[in-house]
Amino acid sequence: MREDVIGRANVEDTPELDRYYHELGRQESYALWTVANSIEPWHPQPTSLPQMWSYKAMRPLVLQALDLVSPEKAGRRVIALENPGRKGTSACVGWLYSGLQVMKPGESATAHSHASSALRFIIEGKGAYTVVDGHKMDLAAGDFVITPNGTWHDHGVESDGAVTIWQDGLDMLLVNQLDANFYAVHPDLVQKSNHPLNDSTMVYGGAGLLPAGGEAWSKPYSPSSNTNGAAPTRRWSTPRRRPTARPTTAS
């Protein structure tokens, strides 16, 4: 794609150049100027479309999965959100993934690790927990928890808990585009927690404070991975594009 603009590729085709391009192709190479304007556009050109998922509509479908598939068979019982402009990519928006995971009391998912980073927002339920590199923390509606990349982690709901739904968010699709992803299952399938419940939050949760004595935190990520939040919202949306026409006021 040629552009008659200073600083942009504007090379006209000639028989000599065609022969040259052919020889470059034989060496698995190409001339940048033949594609530069396409792969470096003037501004972002997203294919994601504005989309809103209604929790009221999604919730019964998510709960239905409890009777259709077990976490042992599914690996993770998740209903993923797919942007209508990104069909076939598993993306919620851009190269980001999001889904709704559901577990019932007494269930747990196999411990695993992956190169992508993850976040989880607990929408409803109680008695849920996650274990990250041996540190166990309990989760309830309104909690927000992060899972740093490369960490062993597993999730579950205590037997005296309630059906729990949370929203997952991962950058695994972006990591896949960089050919840098991996996935591993813990050799023991379930982690053994060697620390008191919620220890990382209790020890490192004080703003501007570090624990006195004891072993310093040595891992390459923050120990404050759980935040107790307010009441959850009931819908999700991808960012809407800024309108180019004159805005109108909705009644």
Foldseek 3Di string as FASTA:
>chain_A
DADPDPPAQHDDDDPVVVVVQVVQVVVVHGDCNVCVCPVDPPDDDFQFAKDKDFLVVCVVVLVVLVVVDACVVVLFSWDWADGPSRPPLCPNGDLKTKTKTKAFAPDKHFKKAKQKKKKKAWQAKFQKWKAWQQAIEGDGHFKMFIHHHPITMMMHGHNPIGMTMMMMMINVSVCVVVVRMDMGTDPVRDDHRPDPYPVLCVQPVDPPDHHDDDDHDDDPDRSPGMDRGDHDDRMDIDDHDDDPDDDDDDD
